[in-house]
Amino acid sequence: MKELTTNPRAVLAGIRNAFGLPALLLFSAMTGFGSFAQEHGLSLYMSMLSTILIWGLPGQVVHVELYGMGAPLIAVVLGVAGANARFMPMTLSMMPVFDDSPHNRRWNYFLAQMISILTWSEMLNRGSKIRADRRIAYFLGFSFTCMTAGIIGVLQGYILFESMPQTVSLCLVFLVPVYFGLIMSNTVHPPFLFAFVLGFILGSPMHLLTPEWGLVLIGLVSGTLAYLLRRRFPSPWNSKEGNG
């Protein structure tokens, strides 16, 4: 993707690559969330605002469930923060993608807000193929397209709540994690693949051992071992290839 010589071209490339399976998956998953939010008494305005400000399905689901239970605001905030805590290591691992980009570093806070599972995996997989000074433009085009698809999906799910079975809504919500798993299983970087496979193997027994902490422990064990292994294998970001 070295032909992205201008920011408008990079934005259009990001829109084009998102306007397919990523946008469709987010549209479908957020349709399920919109129906879920309607069922728990969240207004359409709050459902769409939750998508924009939280931008992470686990956190949004926690938000809706705690709101429906009448939990205090501090409990909702802590619950959402805990559910979306994975975004901190995701953001830290993604920031090197923009290291050589000539932009004001204050914009990194805004870029972090746009990160989701799909945008994160897209930039880690494709970022090295894009000129460093065009990566932000590409990222924004891709991210805004995904978020727009998600917001439209929330609107549709909210409107179609009466005619959508709850089982269908829940299945739609899980489409994005399934897609993310397929992306990670296709990686050629050994530590990433190791973390994915180990997490898959530990999933069921760890959940049986401790349903409340199983997911956290799986991520901690798999991620830590992958981190220790990464020093033995070259990372695509250790070279300046693709920086233009």
Protein backbone atom coordinates (compact mmCIF):
# COMPACT_ATOMS: atom_id res chain seq x y z
CA MET A 1 0.00 0.00 0.00
CA LYS A 2 2.90 2.30 -0.74
CA GLU A 3 0.77 4.09 -3.34
CA LEU A 4 -1.08 5.99 -0.58
CA THR A 5 0.85 9.20 -1.25
CA THR A 6 -1.78 11.60 0.13
CA ASN A 7 -4.01 11.65 3.21
CA PRO A 8 -7.28 11.64 1.20
CA ARG A 9 -6.15 8.49 -0.61
CA ALA A 10 -5.24 6.87 2.69
CA VAL A 11 -8.64 7.78 4.19
CA LEU A 12 -10.45 6.35 1.18
CA ALA A 13 -8.37 3.17 1.37
CA GLY A 14 -9.32 2.80 5.03
CA ILE A 15 -13.00 3.31 4.21
CA ARG A 16 -12.82 0.83 1.36
CA ASN A 17 -11.18 -1.88 3.46
CA ALA A 18 -13.62 -1.37 6.33
CA PHE A 19 -16.66 -1.21 4.05
CA GLY A 20 -16.92 -4.97 3.80
CA LEU A 21 -16.69 -7.74 6.36
CA PRO A 22 -15.50 -5.54 9.29
CA ALA A 23 -18.35 -3.04 8.90
CA LEU A 24 -20.87 -5.82 8.28
CA LEU A 25 -19.80 -7.68 11.41
CA LEU A 26 -19.98 -4.57 13.55
CA PHE A 27 -23.35 -3.67 12.07
CA SER A 28 -24.65 -7.15 12.91
CA ALA A 29 -23.14 -7.27 16.40
CA MET A 30 -24.42 -3.80 17.28
CA THR A 31 -27.85 -4.76 15.98
CA GLY A 32 -27.86 -7.40 18.69
CA PHE A 33 -26.68 -4.83 21.24
CA GLY A 34 -29.40 -2.36 20.21
CA SER A 35 -32.06 -4.99 20.83
CA PHE A 36 -30.38 -5.91 24.13
CA ALA A 37 -30.33 -2.27 25.24
CA GLN A 38 -33.99 -1.79 24.37
CA GLU A 39 -34.91 -4.87 26.39
CA HIS A 40 -33.17 -3.47 29.49
CA GLY A 41 -34.86 -0.07 29.25
CA LEU A 42 -32.02 2.04 27.85
CA SER A 43 -33.15 4.93 25.66
CA LEU A 44 -32.12 5.08 22.01
CA TYR A 45 -30.06 8.20 22.74
CA MET A 46 -28.16 6.49 25.57
CA SER A 47 -27.67 3.31 23.51
CA MET A 48 -26.04 5.21 20.65
CA LEU A 49 -24.01 7.41 23.02
CA SER A 50 -22.80 4.27 24.82
CA THR A 51 -21.51 2.96 21.50
CA ILE A 52 -19.59 6.16 20.74
CA LEU A 53 -18.10 6.75 24.20
CA ILE A 54 -17.44 3.17 25.36
CA TRP A 55 -16.84 1.58 21.94
CA GLY A 56 -16.35 -1.93 23.27
CA LEU A 57 -19.12 -4.54 23.38
CA PRO A 58 -18.20 -6.15 26.73
CA GLY A 59 -18.20 -2.74 28.43
CA GLN A 60 -21.43 -1.74 26.70
CA VAL A 61 -23.14 -4.95 27.80
CA VAL A 62 -21.99 -4.36 31.39
CA HIS A 63 -23.27 -0.79 31.15
CA VAL A 64 -26.71 -1.94 30.03
CA GLU A 65 -26.98 -4.73 32.60
CA LEU A 66 -25.93 -2.56 35.55
CA TYR A 67 -28.18 0.25 34.38
CA GLY A 68 -31.10 -2.16 34.12
CA MET A 69 -30.42 -3.33 37.71
CA GLY A 70 -30.48 0.26 38.96
CA ALA A 71 -26.84 0.16 40.10
CA PRO A 72 -25.24 3.42 41.30
CA LEU A 73 -23.19 5.44 38.82
CA ILE A 74 -19.85 4.56 40.43
CA ALA A 75 -20.63 0.84 40.07
CA VAL A 76 -21.47 1.32 36.40
CA VAL A 77 -18.24 3.25 35.77
CA LEU A 78 -16.08 0.67 37.55
CA GLY A 79 -17.86 -2.20 35.82
CA VAL A 80 -17.36 -0.71 32.36
CA ALA A 81 -13.72 0.14 33.13
CA GLY A 82 -13.04 -3.40 34.29
CA ALA A 83 -14.73 -4.99 31.27
CA ASN A 84 -12.76 -2.80 28.86
CA ALA A 85 -9.44 -2.92 30.72
CA ARG A 86 -8.00 -4.88 27.79
CA PHE A 87 -7.85 -1.65 25.81
CA MET A 88 -4.87 -0.43 27.83
CA PRO A 89 -2.42 -3.13 26.63
CA MET A 90 -4.04 -3.00 23.17
CA THR A 91 -3.41 0.74 22.99
CA LEU A 92 0.16 0.43 24.24
CA SER A 93 0.94 -2.27 21.69
CA MET A 94 -0.55 -0.18 18.89
CA MET A 95 1.15 3.14 19.59
CA PRO A 96 4.44 2.08 17.89
CA VAL A 97 2.48 1.94 14.63
CA PHE A 98 2.24 5.74 14.77
CA ASP A 99 5.73 6.45 16.15
CA ASP A 100 7.09 7.90 12.89
CA SER A 101 3.92 9.74 11.98
CA PRO A 102 4.34 13.57 11.90
CA HIS A 103 1.40 14.45 14.16
CA ASN A 104 0.90 16.19 17.47
CA ARG A 105 1.12 13.52 20.17
CA ARG A 106 -1.91 15.02 21.92
CA TRP A 107 -4.00 13.48 19.17
CA ASN A 108 -3.03 10.04 20.54
CA TYR A 109 -5.80 10.38 23.15
CA PHE A 110 -8.34 10.72 20.37
CA LEU A 111 -6.79 7.85 18.41
CA ALA A 112 -6.99 5.65 21.51
CA GLN A 113 -10.73 6.31 21.76
CA MET A 114 -11.20 4.97 18.22
CA ILE A 115 -9.46 1.66 18.94
CA SER A 116 -11.56 -1.48 18.86
CA ILE A 117 -10.74 -5.14 18.35
CA LEU A 118 -11.18 -4.80 14.60
CA THR A 119 -9.24 -1.55 14.17
CA TRP A 120 -6.45 -2.79 16.43
CA SER A 121 -6.00 -6.05 14.54
CA GLU A 122 -6.27 -4.24 11.20
CA MET A 123 -3.47 -1.81 12.01
CA LEU A 124 -1.17 -4.44 13.48
CA ASN A 125 -1.61 -6.63 10.41
CA ARG A 126 -1.58 -3.96 7.71
CA GLY A 127 0.15 -0.97 9.30
CA SER A 128 3.68 -1.98 8.29
CA LYS A 129 2.59 -1.97 4.64
CA ILE A 130 1.46 1.68 4.80
CA ARG A 131 3.73 4.69 4.70
CA ALA A 132 4.28 6.00 8.24
CA ASP A 133 2.94 9.47 7.39
CA ARG A 134 -0.31 7.98 6.02
CA ARG A 135 -1.14 5.52 8.78
CA ILE A 136 -3.23 7.90 10.87
CA ALA A 137 -5.33 8.91 7.87
CA TYR A 138 -5.88 5.25 7.00
CA PHE A 139 -6.70 4.41 10.62
CA LEU A 140 -9.26 7.23 10.87
CA GLY A 141 -10.96 6.22 7.62
CA PHE A 142 -11.16 2.61 8.75
CA SER A 143 -12.26 3.42 12.32
CA PHE A 144 -14.94 5.98 11.45
CA THR A 145 -16.46 3.56 8.94
CA CYS A 146 -16.59 0.80 11.55
CA MET A 147 -18.07 3.10 14.20
CA THR A 148 -20.68 4.46 11.78
CA ALA A 149 -21.71 0.91 10.88
CA GLY A 150 -21.97 0.11 14.58
CA ILE A 151 -24.16 3.14 15.33
CA ILE A 152 -26.51 2.29 12.45
CA GLY A 153 -26.65 -1.27 13.75
CA VAL A 154 -27.66 -0.05 17.22
CA LEU A 155 -30.44 1.99 15.65
CA GLN A 156 -31.71 -1.00 13.67
CA GLY A 157 -31.58 -3.38 16.65
CA TYR A 158 -33.39 -0.89 18.85
CA ILE A 159 -36.17 -0.46 16.31
CA LEU A 160 -36.47 -4.20 15.55
CA PHE A 161 -36.47 -5.27 19.20
CA GLU A 162 -40.08 -6.47 19.20
CA SER A 163 -39.51 -8.80 16.24
CA MET A 164 -36.04 -10.11 17.17
CA PRO A 165 -35.72 -13.20 19.44
CA GLN A 166 -33.31 -12.80 22.36
CA THR A 167 -31.25 -15.77 21.19
CA VAL A 168 -30.64 -14.08 17.85
CA SER A 169 -29.56 -10.85 19.58
CA LEU A 170 -27.02 -12.67 21.76
CA CYS A 171 -25.62 -14.59 18.78
CA LEU A 172 -25.15 -11.34 16.85
CA VAL A 173 -23.23 -9.81 19.77
CA PHE A 174 -20.66 -12.64 19.60
CA LEU A 175 -19.89 -12.19 15.89
CA VAL A 176 -17.07 -9.70 16.49
CA PRO A 177 -15.13 -11.90 18.98
CA VAL A 178 -15.47 -14.83 16.55
CA TYR A 179 -14.10 -12.71 13.70
CA PHE A 180 -11.25 -11.50 15.90
CA GLY A 181 -10.39 -15.11 16.76
CA LEU A 182 -10.24 -16.00 13.07
CA ILE A 183 -7.91 -13.05 12.41
CA MET A 184 -5.56 -13.99 15.24
CA SER A 185 -5.50 -17.64 14.18
CA ASN A 186 -4.18 -16.49 10.80
CA THR A 187 -1.16 -14.67 12.23
CA VAL A 188 2.34 -15.74 11.21
CA HIS A 189 4.06 -14.15 14.23
CA PRO A 190 4.80 -17.09 16.61
CA PRO A 191 4.14 -15.33 19.98
CA PHE A 192 0.74 -14.07 18.78
CA LEU A 193 -0.21 -17.51 17.50
CA PHE A 194 1.02 -19.12 20.71
CA ALA A 195 -1.12 -16.79 22.85
CA PHE A 196 -4.18 -17.51 20.71
CA VAL A 197 -3.77 -21.30 20.79
CA LEU A 198 -2.96 -21.42 24.51
CA GLY A 199 -5.94 -19.21 25.31
CA PHE A 200 -8.17 -21.52 23.28
CA ILE A 201 -6.85 -24.60 25.12
CA LEU A 202 -7.15 -23.07 28.60
CA GLY A 203 -10.59 -21.57 27.99
CA SER A 204 -12.90 -24.38 29.06
CA PRO A 205 -10.93 -25.80 32.03
CA MET A 206 -10.22 -22.33 33.43
CA HIS A 207 -13.90 -21.39 33.16
CA LEU A 208 -14.87 -24.56 35.02
CA LEU A 209 -12.27 -23.79 37.68
CA THR A 210 -13.33 -20.19 38.25
CA PRO A 211 -16.10 -18.70 36.08
CA GLU A 212 -15.60 -15.22 37.58
CA TRP A 213 -11.83 -14.96 37.00
CA GLY A 214 -11.29 -17.52 34.25
CA LEU A 215 -11.08 -15.06 31.36
CA VAL A 216 -8.71 -12.76 33.25
CA LEU A 217 -6.40 -15.62 34.21
CA ILE A 218 -6.37 -17.00 30.66
CA GLY A 219 -5.32 -13.62 29.28
CA LEU A 220 -2.71 -13.16 32.01
CA VAL A 221 -1.09 -16.57 31.52
CA SER A 222 -1.24 -16.63 27.70
CA GLY A 223 -0.20 -13.00 27.30
CA THR A 224 2.69 -13.24 29.76
CA LEU A 225 4.14 -16.35 28.11
CA ALA A 226 3.75 -14.78 24.66
CA TYR A 227 5.52 -11.64 25.90
CA LEU A 228 8.43 -13.70 27.18
CA LEU A 229 8.64 -15.54 23.84
CA ARG A 230 8.51 -12.42 21.67
CA ARG A 231 12.16 -11.58 22.37
CA ARG A 232 13.17 -14.74 20.51
CA PHE A 233 11.34 -13.73 17.33
CA PRO A 234 11.69 -10.56 15.25
CA SER A 235 8.70 -8.23 15.29
CA PRO A 236 7.57 -6.41 12.12
CA TRP A 237 7.90 -3.14 14.06
CA ASN A 238 11.58 -3.68 14.81
CA SER A 239 12.37 -2.62 11.25
CA LYS A 240 11.58 0.64 9.49
CA GLU A 241 10.11 -1.11 6.50
CA GLY A 242 7.01 0.67 5.26
CA ASN A 243 7.97 4.03 6.72
CA GLY A 244 8.19 5.58 3.26
